[in-house]
C-alpha atoms as a PDB file:
ATOM      1  CA  MET A   1      -8.511 -25.358  22.644  1.00  0.00           C
ATOM      2  CA  PHE A   2     -11.437 -22.838  23.082  1.00  0.00           C
ATOM      3  CA  GLN A   3     -14.219 -22.638  20.437  1.00  0.00           C
ATOM      4  CA  ALA A   4     -14.898 -19.944  18.427  1.00  0.00           C
ATOM      5  CA  SER A   5     -18.261 -18.474  19.002  1.00  0.00           C
ATOM      6  CA  PRO A   6     -21.195 -19.702  16.150  1.00  0.00           C
ATOM      7  CA  THR A   7     -22.199 -16.357  15.363  1.00  0.00           C
ATOM      8  CA  LEU A   8     -18.978 -16.121  13.567  1.00  0.00           C
ATOM      9  CA  THR A   9     -18.535 -17.864   9.809  1.00  0.00           C
ATOM     10  CA  GLU A  10     -15.842 -18.018   7.459  1.00  0.00           C
ATOM     11  CA  PRO A  11     -14.675 -14.663   5.591  1.00  0.00           C
ATOM     12  CA  SER A  12     -16.121 -14.276   2.351  1.00  0.00           C
ATOM     13  CA  LEU A  13     -15.209 -12.513  -0.103  1.00  0.00           C
ATOM     14  CA  SER A  14     -17.663 -10.657  -1.938  1.00  0.00           C
ATOM     15  CA  ALA A  15     -17.573  -9.744  -6.002  1.00  0.00           C
ATOM     16  CA  ALA A  16     -17.196  -5.724  -4.144  1.00  0.00           C
ATOM     17  CA  LEU A  17     -13.719  -6.623  -2.149  1.00  0.00           C
ATOM     18  CA  ILE A  18     -12.715  -8.135  -5.439  1.00  0.00           C
ATOM     19  CA  ARG A  19     -12.908  -6.029  -8.130  1.00  0.00           C
ATOM     20  CA  ARG A  20      -9.809  -4.209  -9.373  1.00  0.00           C
ATOM     21  CA  ARG A  21      -8.978  -1.059 -10.688  1.00  0.00           C
ATOM     22  CA  LYS A  22      -8.802  -0.357 -14.252  1.00  0.00           C
ATOM     23  CA  PRO A  23      -5.311   1.034 -15.813  1.00  0.00           C
ATOM     24  CA  LEU A  24      -5.181   4.975 -15.314  1.00  0.00           C
ATOM     25  CA  LEU A  25      -4.701   5.813 -19.070  1.00  0.00           C
ATOM     26  CA  LEU A  26      -2.914   9.533 -19.412  1.00  0.00           C
ATOM     27  CA  ALA A  27      -3.375   8.876 -23.592  1.00  0.00           C
ATOM     28  CA  PRO A  28      -6.077   7.345 -26.307  1.00  0.00           C
ATOM     29  CA  PRO A  29      -4.830   3.679 -26.257  1.00  0.00           C
ATOM     30  CA  ALA A  30      -3.951   4.132 -30.299  1.00  0.00           C
ATOM     31  CA  CYS A  31      -0.506   5.779 -28.961  1.00  0.00           C
ATOM     32  CA  GLN A  32       0.673   3.879 -27.252  1.00  0.00           C
ATOM     33  CA  VAL A  33       1.262   1.364 -29.464  1.00  0.00           C
ATOM     34  CA  THR A  34       2.291   3.931 -32.015  1.00  0.00           C
ATOM     35  CA  MET A  35       5.027   5.078 -29.394  1.00  0.00           C
ATOM     36  CA  PRO A  36       7.986   4.934 -30.817  1.00  0.00           C
ATOM     37  CA  VAL A  37      11.635   4.302 -28.208  1.00  0.00           C
ATOM     38  CA  GLU A  38      13.973   6.194 -28.621  1.00  0.00           C
ATOM     39  CA  VAL A  39      17.107   4.927 -27.931  1.00  0.00           C
ATOM     40  CA  VAL A  40      19.942   7.802 -26.334  1.00  0.00           C
ATOM     41  CA  GLU A  41      22.988   6.322 -26.228  1.00  0.00           C
ATOM     42  CA  GLN A  42      25.074   7.383 -22.761  1.00  0.00           C
ATOM     43  CA  ALA A  43      28.347   9.174 -23.428  1.00  0.00           C
ATOM     44  CA  GLU A  44      31.548   7.702 -21.493  1.00  0.00           C
ATOM     45  CA  PRO A  45      31.647   8.418 -17.789  1.00  0.00           C
ATOM     46  CA  ARG A  46      34.407  11.285 -16.582  1.00  0.00           C
ATOM     47  CA  TRP A  47      36.303  11.997 -13.608  1.00  0.00           C
ATOM     48  CA  PRO A  48      35.317  15.165 -11.702  1.00  0.00           C
ATOM     49  CA  THR A  49      37.763  17.583 -12.328  1.00  0.00           C
ATOM     50  CA  TRP A  50      39.309  19.400  -8.764  1.00  0.00           C
ATOM     51  CA  ARG A  51      37.845  22.141  -8.913  1.00  0.00           C
ATOM     52  CA  GLU A  52      34.665  20.331  -8.841  1.00  0.00           C
ATOM     53  CA  ASP A  53      35.669  18.102  -6.223  1.00  0.00           C
ATOM     54  CA  LEU A  54      36.541  21.053  -4.547  1.00  0.00           C
ATOM     55  CA  ARG A  55      33.079  22.681  -5.011  1.00  0.00           C
ATOM     56  CA  PHE A  56      31.273  19.817  -3.225  1.00  0.00           C
ATOM     57  CA  PHE A  57      33.749  19.199  -0.299  1.00  0.00           C
ATOM     58  CA  ALA A  58      33.571  23.179   0.700  1.00  0.00           C
ATOM     59  CA  GLY A  59      29.611  23.174  -0.012  1.00  0.00           C
ATOM     60  CA  CYS A  60      29.325  20.304   2.670  1.00  0.00           C
ATOM     61  CA  TYR A  61      31.986  22.114   5.002  1.00  0.00           C
ATOM     62  CA  ALA A  62      29.584  25.122   5.183  1.00  0.00           C
ATOM     63  CA  ALA A  63      26.590  22.715   5.486  1.00  0.00           C
ATOM     64  CA  GLY A  64      28.061  21.408   8.643  1.00  0.00           C
ATOM     65  CA  LEU A  65      29.303  24.446   9.902  1.00  0.00           C
ATOM     66  CA  ILE A  66      25.479  26.113   9.625  1.00  0.00           C
ATOM     67  CA  PHE A  67      24.569  23.040  10.809  1.00  0.00           C
ATOM     68  CA  PHE A  68      26.576  23.101  13.931  1.00  0.00           C
ATOM     69  CA  ILE A  69      26.158  26.949  14.465  1.00  0.00           C
ATOM     70  CA  ILE A  70      22.232  25.855  14.806  1.00  0.00           C
ATOM     71  CA  MET A  71      22.810  22.873  16.866  1.00  0.00           C
ATOM     72  CA  LEU A  72      24.873  25.692  19.536  1.00  0.00           C
ATOM     73  CA  SER A  73      21.884  28.143  19.500  1.00  0.00           C
END
């Protein structure tokens, strides 16, 4: 087994390396505690209509056709 060089010592972590950043405050601390949180009720999900489906698939088809034409040129 090889022996390490005597000039190399174990790495030591100084205070400058361990120092952590302060958290970024976007508002004064007093606002963070007193800010009310509103609970928004979500509406029931609905099935998309056939028009929305047709619009989506037509958009995908058009994007694919444009991509195909660009790749041919």
